Amino acid sequence: MNNFLNSKTKKIIFFIVIIGAIELSGHGIFASLFRFLGSLN
């Protein structure tokens, strides 16, 4: 059980790192949203 929990935690951390990298590169959903809101003004 401990091994299963450990691998699940590693997968979650892995996904967070990938999503964070995409956001920081400027291609994520938050970056797109901020660009859209900026274009309205």
Protein backbone atom coordinates (compact mmCIF):
# COMPACT_ATOMS: atom_id res chain seq x y z
CA MET A 1 0.00 0.00 0.00
CA ASN A 2 2.81 2.38 0.85
CA ASN A 3 4.45 1.71 -2.54
CA PHE A 4 1.17 2.48 -4.37
CA LEU A 5 0.74 5.74 -2.44
CA ASN A 6 4.33 6.72 -3.19
CA SER A 7 3.96 6.19 -6.96
CA LYS A 8 0.64 8.08 -6.98
CA THR A 9 2.27 11.01 -5.17
CA LYS A 10 5.14 11.01 -7.67
CA LYS A 11 2.65 11.12 -10.58
CA ILE A 12 0.78 14.06 -9.03
CA ILE A 13 4.03 15.98 -8.49
CA PHE A 14 5.08 15.16 -12.07
CA PHE A 15 1.82 16.57 -13.49
CA ILE A 16 2.10 19.72 -11.34
CA VAL A 17 5.65 20.30 -12.64
CA ILE A 18 4.55 19.86 -16.28
CA ILE A 19 1.54 22.17 -15.86
CA GLY A 20 3.74 24.73 -14.09
CA ALA A 21 6.29 24.63 -16.92
CA ILE A 22 3.57 25.11 -19.55
CA GLU A 23 2.10 28.04 -17.61
CA LEU A 24 5.50 29.70 -17.16
CA SER A 25 6.29 29.33 -20.86
CA GLY A 26 3.19 31.41 -21.65
CA HIS A 27 1.08 28.75 -23.37
CA GLY A 28 -1.12 27.71 -20.46
CA ILE A 29 -4.77 28.43 -19.80
CA PHE A 30 -4.01 31.14 -17.21
CA ALA A 31 -1.59 32.93 -19.54
CA SER A 32 -4.19 32.83 -22.33
CA LEU A 33 -6.86 34.16 -19.98
CA PHE A 34 -4.69 37.07 -18.83
CA ARG A 35 -3.80 37.90 -22.44
CA PHE A 36 -7.50 37.88 -23.36
CA LEU A 37 -8.41 40.15 -20.43
CA GLY A 38 -5.53 42.46 -21.33
CA SER A 39 -6.74 42.76 -24.91
CA LEU A 40 -10.20 43.88 -23.74
CA ASN A 41 -8.84 47.05 -22.13
